[in-house]
Amino acid sequence: MNNNSKPLFTTGEFARLCNIRKDTLFYYDEIDLLKPEIIQDNGYRYYSANQLFLFDIIAMLKECGTPLKEIKEYITAREPASFLTLMEENDKILSAEMERLMHIHRLMRNTIELTKHALRAEYNVPFLQECPEEYFIAMPFSTEYEDYERNQSETIKALLEYLEANLLGEEYPLGSIILKENLRFDEYKEDYYCSKLSSPIQNPLLFVKPAGTYAMLTHKGSYETLSQSYNILKDYIKKSGLQITGNSYEHELLNYLATGRSENYVIEISIQTG
């Protein structure tokens, strides 16, 4: 139908242009959110071209999570100041969502690179490497509690929640840190659980891994066999005429997320030497 030079669309045409079901338009009409421009005596309903722009605003606000009730309030009492406020509020929402998605994308890309590195690494062979300064968000873990496994789970959960809430961490697998003074013990229990950062930030949980020479080994096997790799690495340091001068860092490359068999886990161990 065409009323003079003003283009009008049937409910079906308008629904197709908006890429929605006609039922959605019927519902929007029912709640007085978006009513047809014209309803003829025979019940035929028509929407105008201007309502396409109005629908786009409704769809955008809905996508941002704005309740239909609030959208209706804006539609009912449209005026420039409230429109500007509404757009600015939703711009903040979109910016936060874009930041969250970018963070997820970085996690995904870095995890892909870790997995590729794990698959091409030479396993259980020690070597020396010069490493740059690195940065972590690290949460302290105490092994003094009687229920070790529960405390471990609670610490990891707390770290994951902190990372998610603050959009921190650049890799999905978590790492761990054993302080230098505790490397003399054969149990090799973690002092911190950590997640890598791409650059330093002002944060009370920031942990800096110093640049320097590190004795490294890519361990393949279960967590229970990690002590064997530590013993190999410490023996290698001694035979190389070096000493342990810093902490140990465990960097998970493949864990239960990538393989269902613990003997296929891959963990990179690095101990600062000099």
C-alpha atoms as a PDB file:
ATOM      1  CA  MET A   1       0.000   0.000   0.000  1.00  0.00           C
ATOM      2  CA  ASN A   2       1.191   3.540  -0.705  1.00  0.00           C
ATOM      3  CA  ASN A   3      -0.394   6.605   0.891  1.00  0.00           C
ATOM      4  CA  ASN A   4       0.584   9.450  -1.462  1.00  0.00           C
ATOM      5  CA  SER A   5       4.434   9.458  -1.454  1.00  0.00           C
ATOM      6  CA  LYS A   6       4.741   7.844   1.934  1.00  0.00           C
ATOM      7  CA  PRO A   7       5.907   4.206   1.654  1.00  0.00           C
ATOM      8  CA  LEU A   8       4.050   1.746   3.841  1.00  0.00           C
ATOM      9  CA  PHE A   9       4.710  -1.931   4.520  1.00  0.00           C
ATOM     10  CA  THR A  10       2.460  -4.774   5.514  1.00  0.00           C
ATOM     11  CA  THR A  11       3.228  -6.633   8.724  1.00  0.00           C
ATOM     12  CA  GLY A  12       4.885  -9.429   6.732  1.00  0.00           C
ATOM     13  CA  GLU A  13       6.973  -7.007   4.666  1.00  0.00           C
ATOM     14  CA  PHE A  14       8.031  -5.041   7.722  1.00  0.00           C
ATOM     15  CA  ALA A  15       8.928  -8.230   9.605  1.00  0.00           C
ATOM     16  CA  ARG A  16      11.100  -9.385   6.686  1.00  0.00           C
ATOM     17  CA  LEU A  17      12.858  -6.009   6.508  1.00  0.00           C
ATOM     18  CA  CYS A  18      13.564  -6.208  10.246  1.00  0.00           C
ATOM     19  CA  ASN A  19      14.528  -9.898  10.051  1.00  0.00           C
ATOM     20  CA  ILE A  20      12.062 -10.898  12.770  1.00  0.00           C
ATOM     21  CA  ARG A  21       8.887 -12.952  13.070  1.00  0.00           C
ATOM     22  CA  LYS A  22       5.489 -11.334  12.643  1.00  0.00           C
ATOM     23  CA  ASP A  23       4.643 -12.579  16.138  1.00  0.00           C
ATOM     24  CA  THR A  24       7.247 -10.165  17.508  1.00  0.00           C
ATOM     25  CA  LEU A  25       5.520  -7.235  15.837  1.00  0.00           C
ATOM     26  CA  PHE A  26       2.162  -8.400  17.188  1.00  0.00           C
ATOM     27  CA  TYR A  27       3.661  -8.528  20.691  1.00  0.00           C
ATOM     28  CA  TYR A  28       5.233  -5.072  20.364  1.00  0.00           C
ATOM     29  CA  ASP A  29       1.828  -3.761  19.253  1.00  0.00           C
ATOM     30  CA  GLU A  30       0.133  -5.469  22.205  1.00  0.00           C
ATOM     31  CA  ILE A  31       2.419  -3.808  24.760  1.00  0.00           C
ATOM     32  CA  ASP A  32       2.257  -0.425  22.955  1.00  0.00           C
ATOM     33  CA  LEU A  33       5.965  -0.480  22.128  1.00  0.00           C
ATOM     34  CA  LEU A  34       5.742  -0.327  18.330  1.00  0.00           C
ATOM     35  CA  LYS A  35       2.268  -0.014  16.865  1.00  0.00           C
ATOM     36  CA  PRO A  36       1.433   0.024  13.141  1.00  0.00           C
ATOM     37  CA  GLU A  37       1.302   3.459  11.532  1.00  0.00           C
ATOM     38  CA  ILE A  38      -2.099   2.612  10.044  1.00  0.00           C
ATOM     39  CA  ILE A  39      -4.756   0.033  10.891  1.00  0.00           C
ATOM     40  CA  GLN A  40      -7.506   0.005   8.278  1.00  0.00           C
ATOM     41  CA  ASP A  41     -11.146  -0.779   8.941  1.00  0.00           C
ATOM     42  CA  ASN A  42     -10.662  -4.263   7.503  1.00  0.00           C
ATOM     43  CA  GLY A  43      -7.872  -4.926  10.045  1.00  0.00           C
ATOM     44  CA  TYR A  44      -4.956  -4.607   7.609  1.00  0.00           C
ATOM     45  CA  ARG A  45      -1.910  -3.174   9.373  1.00  0.00           C
ATOM     46  CA  TYR A  46       0.794  -1.022   7.825  1.00  0.00           C
ATOM     47  CA  TYR A  47       4.148   0.278   9.050  1.00  0.00           C
ATOM     48  CA  SER A  48       6.002   3.337   7.734  1.00  0.00           C
ATOM     49  CA  ALA A  49       9.629   3.666   6.628  1.00  0.00           C
ATOM     50  CA  ASN A  50      10.377   5.878   9.636  1.00  0.00           C
ATOM     51  CA  GLN A  51       9.395   2.989  11.899  1.00  0.00           C
ATOM     52  CA  LEU A  52      12.310   0.988  10.489  1.00  0.00           C
ATOM     53  CA  PHE A  53      14.660   3.401  12.263  1.00  0.00           C
ATOM     54  CA  LEU A  54      12.568   3.174  15.410  1.00  0.00           C
ATOM     55  CA  PHE A  55      12.738  -0.610  15.290  1.00  0.00           C
ATOM     56  CA  ASP A  56      16.530  -0.431  14.887  1.00  0.00           C
ATOM     57  CA  ILE A  57      16.740   1.646  18.082  1.00  0.00           C
ATOM     58  CA  ILE A  58      14.504  -0.825  19.918  1.00  0.00           C
ATOM     59  CA  ALA A  59      16.607  -3.768  18.696  1.00  0.00           C
ATOM     60  CA  MET A  60      19.860  -2.030  19.656  1.00  0.00           C
ATOM     61  CA  LEU A  61      18.641  -1.159  23.141  1.00  0.00           C
ATOM     62  CA  LYS A  62      17.299  -4.663  23.636  1.00  0.00           C
ATOM     63  CA  GLU A  63      20.651  -6.113  22.537  1.00  0.00           C
ATOM     64  CA  CYS A  64      22.327  -3.964  25.200  1.00  0.00           C
ATOM     65  CA  GLY A  65      20.068  -5.511  27.809  1.00  0.00           C
ATOM     66  CA  THR A  66      17.679  -2.587  28.260  1.00  0.00           C
ATOM     67  CA  PRO A  67      14.325  -3.894  29.561  1.00  0.00           C
ATOM     68  CA  LEU A  68      11.360  -3.453  27.200  1.00  0.00           C
ATOM     69  CA  LYS A  69       9.639  -1.384  29.905  1.00  0.00           C
ATOM     70  CA  GLU A  70      12.439   1.200  29.814  1.00  0.00           C
ATOM     71  CA  ILE A  71      12.489   1.188  26.010  1.00  0.00           C
ATOM     72  CA  LYS A  72       8.749   1.844  26.016  1.00  0.00           C
ATOM     73  CA  GLU A  73       9.209   4.788  28.387  1.00  0.00           C
ATOM     74  CA  TYR A  74      11.712   6.293  25.949  1.00  0.00           C
ATOM     75  CA  ILE A  75       9.406   5.650  22.959  1.00  0.00           C
ATOM     76  CA  THR A  76       6.435   7.219  24.767  1.00  0.00           C
ATOM     77  CA  ALA A  77       8.228  10.412  25.828  1.00  0.00           C
ATOM     78  CA  ARG A  78      10.897  11.018  23.203  1.00  0.00           C
ATOM     79  CA  GLU A  79      12.926  14.185  23.600  1.00  0.00           C
ATOM     80  CA  PRO A  80      16.585  15.032  22.787  1.00  0.00           C
ATOM     81  CA  ALA A  81      18.000  15.134  26.327  1.00  0.00           C
ATOM     82  CA  SER A  82      16.610  11.739  27.328  1.00  0.00           C
ATOM     83  CA  PHE A  83      17.650  10.301  23.957  1.00  0.00           C
ATOM     84  CA  LEU A  84      21.232  11.499  24.521  1.00  0.00           C
ATOM     85  CA  THR A  85      21.302  10.052  28.037  1.00  0.00           C
ATOM     86  CA  LEU A  86      19.958   6.733  26.805  1.00  0.00           C
ATOM     87  CA  MET A  87      22.549   6.539  24.008  1.00  0.00           C
ATOM     88  CA  GLU A  88      25.415   7.426  26.354  1.00  0.00           C
ATOM     89  CA  GLU A  89      24.371   4.806  28.895  1.00  0.00           C
ATOM     90  CA  ASN A  90      24.172   2.107  26.254  1.00  0.00           C
ATOM     91  CA  ASP A  91      27.450   3.219  24.707  1.00  0.00           C
ATOM     92  CA  LYS A  92      29.099   2.430  28.055  1.00  0.00           C
ATOM     93  CA  ILE A  93      27.432  -0.972  28.087  1.00  0.00           C
ATOM     94  CA  LEU A  94      28.641  -1.721  24.552  1.00  0.00           C
ATOM     95  CA  SER A  95      32.176  -0.539  25.348  1.00  0.00           C
ATOM     96  CA  ALA A  96      32.320  -2.841  28.377  1.00  0.00           C
ATOM     97  CA  GLU A  97      31.007  -5.761  26.316  1.00  0.00           C
ATOM     98  CA  MET A  98      33.564  -5.077  23.562  1.00  0.00           C
ATOM     99  CA  GLU A  99      36.340  -5.068  26.157  1.00  0.00           C
ATOM    100  CA  ARG A 100      35.067  -8.370  27.556  1.00  0.00           C
ATOM    101  CA  LEU A 101      34.942  -9.962  24.092  1.00  0.00           C
ATOM    102  CA  MET A 102      38.417  -8.685  23.239  1.00  0.00           C
ATOM    103  CA  HIS A 103      39.691 -10.235  26.473  1.00  0.00           C
ATOM    104  CA  ILE A 104      38.095 -13.565  25.570  1.00  0.00           C
ATOM    105  CA  HIS A 105      39.636 -13.346  22.101  1.00  0.00           C
ATOM    106  CA  ARG A 106      43.113 -12.754  23.567  1.00  0.00           C
ATOM    107  CA  LEU A 107      42.624 -15.735  25.876  1.00  0.00           C
ATOM    108  CA  MET A 108      41.592 -17.875  22.927  1.00  0.00           C
ATOM    109  CA  ARG A 109      44.486 -16.820  20.668  1.00  0.00           C
ATOM    110  CA  ASN A 110      47.102 -17.232  23.385  1.00  0.00           C
ATOM    111  CA  THR A 111      45.717 -20.631  24.381  1.00  0.00           C
ATOM    112  CA  ILE A 112      45.945 -21.714  20.731  1.00  0.00           C
ATOM    113  CA  GLU A 113      49.618 -20.688  20.658  1.00  0.00           C
ATOM    114  CA  LEU A 114      50.285 -22.522  23.938  1.00  0.00           C
ATOM    115  CA  THR A 115      48.741 -25.689  22.536  1.00  0.00           C
ATOM    116  CA  LYS A 116      50.827 -25.457  19.354  1.00  0.00           C
ATOM    117  CA  HIS A 117      53.944 -24.924  21.462  1.00  0.00           C
ATOM    118  CA  ALA A 118      53.107 -27.982  23.569  1.00  0.00           C
ATOM    119  CA  LEU A 119      52.674 -30.191  20.510  1.00  0.00           C
ATOM    120  CA  ARG A 120      56.025 -29.280  18.954  1.00  0.00           C
ATOM    121  CA  ALA A 121      58.102 -29.212  22.180  1.00  0.00           C
ATOM    122  CA  GLU A 122      60.811 -31.745  23.065  1.00  0.00           C
ATOM    123  CA  TYR A 123      59.713 -33.394  26.289  1.00  0.00           C
ATOM    124  CA  ASN A 124      61.643 -34.097  29.501  1.00  0.00           C
ATOM    125  CA  VAL A 125      64.963 -32.729  28.194  1.00  0.00           C
ATOM    126  CA  PRO A 126      66.527 -29.902  30.258  1.00  0.00           C
ATOM    127  CA  PHE A 127      68.034 -26.795  28.632  1.00  0.00           C
ATOM    128  CA  LEU A 128      69.105 -23.240  29.451  1.00  0.00           C
ATOM    129  CA  GLN A 129      67.326 -20.195  28.084  1.00  0.00           C
ATOM    130  CA  GLU A 130      67.544 -16.441  28.488  1.00  0.00           C
ATOM    131  CA  CYS A 131      64.077 -15.211  29.417  1.00  0.00           C
ATOM    132  CA  PRO A 132      62.689 -11.671  29.476  1.00  0.00           C
ATOM    133  CA  GLU A 133      60.913 -10.171  32.455  1.00  0.00           C
ATOM    134  CA  GLU A 134      57.369 -11.518  32.767  1.00  0.00           C
ATOM    135  CA  TYR A 135      54.339 -10.526  34.798  1.00  0.00           C
ATOM    136  CA  PHE A 136      51.644 -12.465  36.601  1.00  0.00           C
ATOM    137  CA  ILE A 137      48.587 -12.014  38.741  1.00  0.00           C
ATOM    138  CA  ALA A 138      49.520 -14.382  41.569  1.00  0.00           C
ATOM    139  CA  MET A 139      47.397 -15.526  44.493  1.00  0.00           C
ATOM    140  CA  PRO A 140      49.230 -16.961  47.525  1.00  0.00           C
ATOM    141  CA  PHE A 141      48.520 -20.566  48.448  1.00  0.00           C
ATOM    142  CA  SER A 142      49.251 -22.056  51.843  1.00  0.00           C
ATOM    143  CA  THR A 143      49.974 -25.766  52.225  1.00  0.00           C
ATOM    144  CA  GLU A 144      49.663 -25.637  56.006  1.00  0.00           C
ATOM    145  CA  TYR A 145      45.948 -26.433  56.119  1.00  0.00           C
ATOM    146  CA  GLU A 146      44.922 -30.005  56.861  1.00  0.00           C
ATOM    147  CA  ASP A 147      42.561 -30.251  53.869  1.00  0.00           C
ATOM    148  CA  TYR A 148      45.128 -29.597  51.128  1.00  0.00           C
ATOM    149  CA  GLU A 149      42.894 -30.387  48.150  1.00  0.00           C
ATOM    150  CA  ARG A 150      39.995 -28.255  49.379  1.00  0.00           C
ATOM    151  CA  ASN A 151      42.286 -25.307  50.055  1.00  0.00           C
ATOM    152  CA  GLN A 152      43.818 -25.777  46.608  1.00  0.00           C
ATOM    153  CA  SER A 153      40.394 -25.760  44.934  1.00  0.00           C
ATOM    154  CA  GLU A 154      39.273 -22.682  46.868  1.00  0.00           C
ATOM    155  CA  THR A 155      42.453 -20.775  45.967  1.00  0.00           C
ATOM    156  CA  ILE A 156      42.147 -21.616  42.267  1.00  0.00           C
ATOM    157  CA  LYS A 157      38.449 -20.683  42.310  1.00  0.00           C
ATOM    158  CA  ALA A 158      39.211 -17.358  43.998  1.00  0.00           C
ATOM    159  CA  LEU A 159      41.911 -16.582  41.435  1.00  0.00           C
ATOM    160  CA  LEU A 160      39.649 -17.432  38.488  1.00  0.00           C
ATOM    161  CA  GLU A 161      36.860 -15.257  39.888  1.00  0.00           C
ATOM    162  CA  TYR A 162      39.302 -12.380  40.438  1.00  0.00           C
ATOM    163  CA  LEU A 163      40.629 -12.667  36.878  1.00  0.00           C
ATOM    164  CA  GLU A 164      37.126 -12.747  35.417  1.00  0.00           C
ATOM    165  CA  ALA A 165      35.887  -9.823  37.482  1.00  0.00           C
ATOM    166  CA  ASN A 166      38.857  -7.660  36.477  1.00  0.00           C
ATOM    167  CA  LEU A 167      39.308  -8.953  32.890  1.00  0.00           C
ATOM    168  CA  LEU A 168      42.871 -10.001  33.684  1.00  0.00           C
ATOM    169  CA  GLY A 169      45.054 -12.867  32.528  1.00  0.00           C
ATOM    170  CA  GLU A 170      46.210 -13.569  28.987  1.00  0.00           C
ATOM    171  CA  GLU A 171      46.106 -17.363  28.914  1.00  0.00           C
ATOM    172  CA  TYR A 172      43.423 -19.798  29.964  1.00  0.00           C
ATOM    173  CA  PRO A 173      45.576 -22.383  31.795  1.00  0.00           C
ATOM    174  CA  LEU A 174      46.789 -21.282  35.214  1.00  0.00           C
ATOM    175  CA  GLY A 175      50.397 -21.469  36.291  1.00  0.00           C
ATOM    176  CA  SER A 176      52.058 -21.842  39.649  1.00  0.00           C
ATOM    177  CA  ILE A 177      55.127 -20.534  41.440  1.00  0.00           C
ATOM    178  CA  ILE A 178      57.388 -22.263  43.968  1.00  0.00           C
ATOM    179  CA  LEU A 179      59.596 -19.888  45.941  1.00  0.00           C
ATOM    180  CA  LYS A 180      63.353 -20.435  45.915  1.00  0.00           C
ATOM    181  CA  GLU A 181      63.529 -21.342  49.608  1.00  0.00           C
ATOM    182  CA  ASN A 182      61.036 -24.166  49.124  1.00  0.00           C
ATOM    183  CA  LEU A 183      62.727 -25.799  46.125  1.00  0.00           C
ATOM    184  CA  ARG A 184      64.959 -27.797  48.466  1.00  0.00           C
ATOM    185  CA  PHE A 185      61.951 -29.882  49.499  1.00  0.00           C
ATOM    186  CA  ASP A 186      61.093 -32.864  47.310  1.00  0.00           C
ATOM    187  CA  GLU A 187      57.320 -32.303  47.448  1.00  0.00           C
ATOM    188  CA  TYR A 188      57.511 -29.164  45.258  1.00  0.00           C
ATOM    189  CA  LYS A 189      54.232 -27.722  46.492  1.00  0.00           C
ATOM    190  CA  GLU A 190      52.985 -24.457  45.044  1.00  0.00           C
ATOM    191  CA  ASP A 191      53.359 -21.160  46.901  1.00  0.00           C
ATOM    192  CA  TYR A 192      51.249 -19.220  44.379  1.00  0.00           C
ATOM    193  CA  TYR A 193      48.774 -19.899  41.618  1.00  0.00           C
ATOM    194  CA  CYS A 194      49.078 -17.382  38.823  1.00  0.00           C
ATOM    195  CA  SER A 195      47.967 -16.165  35.415  1.00  0.00           C
ATOM    196  CA  LYS A 196      50.213 -14.411  32.920  1.00  0.00           C
ATOM    197  CA  LEU A 197      49.865 -10.745  31.925  1.00  0.00           C
ATOM    198  CA  SER A 198      51.092  -9.149  28.703  1.00  0.00           C
ATOM    199  CA  SER A 199      52.427  -6.088  30.588  1.00  0.00           C
ATOM    200  CA  PRO A 200      52.814  -4.866  34.177  1.00  0.00           C
ATOM    201  CA  ILE A 201      49.870  -3.169  35.881  1.00  0.00           C
ATOM    202  CA  GLN A 202      49.214  -1.490  39.202  1.00  0.00           C
ATOM    203  CA  ASN A 203      47.735  -4.361  41.179  1.00  0.00           C
ATOM    204  CA  PRO A 204      48.353  -5.757  44.679  1.00  0.00           C
ATOM    205  CA  LEU A 205      48.569  -9.273  43.217  1.00  0.00           C
ATOM    206  CA  LEU A 206      51.223  -8.388  40.611  1.00  0.00           C
ATOM    207  CA  PHE A 207      54.157 -10.837  40.657  1.00  0.00           C
ATOM    208  CA  VAL A 208      57.255 -10.103  38.548  1.00  0.00           C
ATOM    209  CA  LYS A 209      59.359 -12.909  37.125  1.00  0.00           C
ATOM    210  CA  PRO A 210      62.855 -11.410  36.695  1.00  0.00           C
ATOM    211  CA  ALA A 211      64.680 -11.487  33.388  1.00  0.00           C
ATOM    212  CA  GLY A 212      67.673 -13.814  33.361  1.00  0.00           C
ATOM    213  CA  THR A 213      68.922 -17.326  32.735  1.00  0.00           C
ATOM    214  CA  TYR A 214      66.493 -20.143  33.442  1.00  0.00           C
ATOM    215  CA  ALA A 215      66.968 -23.887  33.461  1.00  0.00           C
ATOM    216  CA  MET A 216      63.912 -25.239  31.694  1.00  0.00           C
ATOM    217  CA  LEU A 217      62.220 -28.535  30.999  1.00  0.00           C
ATOM    218  CA  THR A 218      58.969 -29.379  29.230  1.00  0.00           C
ATOM    219  CA  HIS A 219      57.401 -32.037  31.418  1.00  0.00           C
ATOM    220  CA  LYS A 220      55.056 -34.554  29.834  1.00  0.00           C
ATOM    221  CA  GLY A 221      53.096 -36.601  32.331  1.00  0.00           C
ATOM    222  CA  SER A 222      50.715 -36.370  35.240  1.00  0.00           C
ATOM    223  CA  TYR A 223      51.010 -33.909  38.106  1.00  0.00           C
ATOM    224  CA  GLU A 224      52.089 -36.795  40.307  1.00  0.00           C
ATOM    225  CA  THR A 225      55.253 -37.268  38.214  1.00  0.00           C
ATOM    226  CA  LEU A 226      56.303 -33.613  38.288  1.00  0.00           C
ATOM    227  CA  SER A 227      58.788 -34.281  41.097  1.00  0.00           C
ATOM    228  CA  GLN A 228      60.789 -36.520  38.733  1.00  0.00           C
ATOM    229  CA  SER A 229      61.183 -33.658  36.265  1.00  0.00           C
ATOM    230  CA  TYR A 230      62.177 -31.292  39.063  1.00  0.00           C
ATOM    231  CA  ASN A 231      64.880 -33.711  40.181  1.00  0.00           C
ATOM    232  CA  ILE A 232      66.158 -34.004  36.592  1.00  0.00           C
ATOM    233  CA  LEU A 233      66.219 -30.229  36.265  1.00  0.00           C
ATOM    234  CA  LYS A 234      67.983 -29.639  39.604  1.00  0.00           C
ATOM    235  CA  ASP A 235      70.587 -32.275  38.732  1.00  0.00           C
ATOM    236  CA  TYR A 236      71.101 -30.570  35.354  1.00  0.00           C
ATOM    237  CA  ILE A 237      71.638 -27.203  37.074  1.00  0.00           C
ATOM    238  CA  LYS A 238      74.254 -28.729  39.391  1.00  0.00           C
ATOM    239  CA  LYS A 239      76.100 -30.506  36.559  1.00  0.00           C
ATOM    240  CA  SER A 240      76.119 -27.263  34.551  1.00  0.00           C
ATOM    241  CA  GLY A 241      78.052 -25.571  37.354  1.00  0.00           C
ATOM    242  CA  LEU A 242      75.126 -23.287  38.165  1.00  0.00           C
ATOM    243  CA  GLN A 243      73.052 -22.574  41.249  1.00  0.00           C
ATOM    244  CA  ILE A 244      69.391 -21.932  41.861  1.00  0.00           C
ATOM    245  CA  THR A 245      69.109 -18.151  42.270  1.00  0.00           C
ATOM    246  CA  GLY A 246      65.351 -17.634  42.053  1.00  0.00           C
ATOM    247  CA  ASN A 247      61.918 -19.184  41.990  1.00  0.00           C
ATOM    248  CA  SER A 248      60.429 -21.969  39.919  1.00  0.00           C
ATOM    249  CA  TYR A 249      57.566 -21.286  37.515  1.00  0.00           C
ATOM    250  CA  GLU A 250      55.189 -23.935  36.194  1.00  0.00           C
ATOM    251  CA  HIS A 251      53.380 -23.069  32.987  1.00  0.00           C
ATOM    252  CA  GLU A 252      50.624 -25.441  31.905  1.00  0.00           C
ATOM    253  CA  LEU A 253      50.578 -25.980  28.142  1.00  0.00           C
ATOM    254  CA  LEU A 254      48.234 -28.966  27.950  1.00  0.00           C
ATOM    255  CA  ASN A 255      45.969 -30.039  30.782  1.00  0.00           C
ATOM    256  CA  TYR A 256      42.634 -31.796  31.260  1.00  0.00           C
ATOM    257  CA  LEU A 257      40.932 -29.279  28.962  1.00  0.00           C
ATOM    258  CA  ALA A 258      42.940 -30.532  25.972  1.00  0.00           C
ATOM    259  CA  THR A 259      43.453 -34.194  26.823  1.00  0.00           C
ATOM    260  CA  GLY A 260      41.525 -36.696  28.883  1.00  0.00           C
ATOM    261  CA  ARG A 261      44.662 -38.620  29.840  1.00  0.00           C
ATOM    262  CA  SER A 262      46.810 -37.228  32.638  1.00  0.00           C
ATOM    263  CA  GLU A 263      49.932 -38.884  31.213  1.00  0.00           C
ATOM    264  CA  ASN A 264      49.596 -36.506  28.233  1.00  0.00           C
ATOM    265  CA  TYR A 265      49.636 -33.320  30.309  1.00  0.00           C
ATOM    266  CA  VAL A 266      52.392 -30.909  29.288  1.00  0.00           C
ATOM    267  CA  ILE A 267      53.854 -28.449  31.795  1.00  0.00           C
ATOM    268  CA  GLU A 268      56.801 -26.135  31.192  1.00  0.00           C
ATOM    269  CA  ILE A 269      59.056 -25.743  34.248  1.00  0.00           C
ATOM    270  CA  SER A 270      61.601 -22.937  34.539  1.00  0.00           C
ATOM    271  CA  ILE A 271      63.971 -22.298  37.452  1.00  0.00           C
ATOM    272  CA  GLN A 272      66.065 -19.140  37.658  1.00  0.00           C
ATOM    273  CA  THR A 273      69.777 -19.949  37.764  1.00  0.00           C
ATOM    274  CA  GLY A 274      73.076 -18.145  37.855  1.00  0.00           C
END
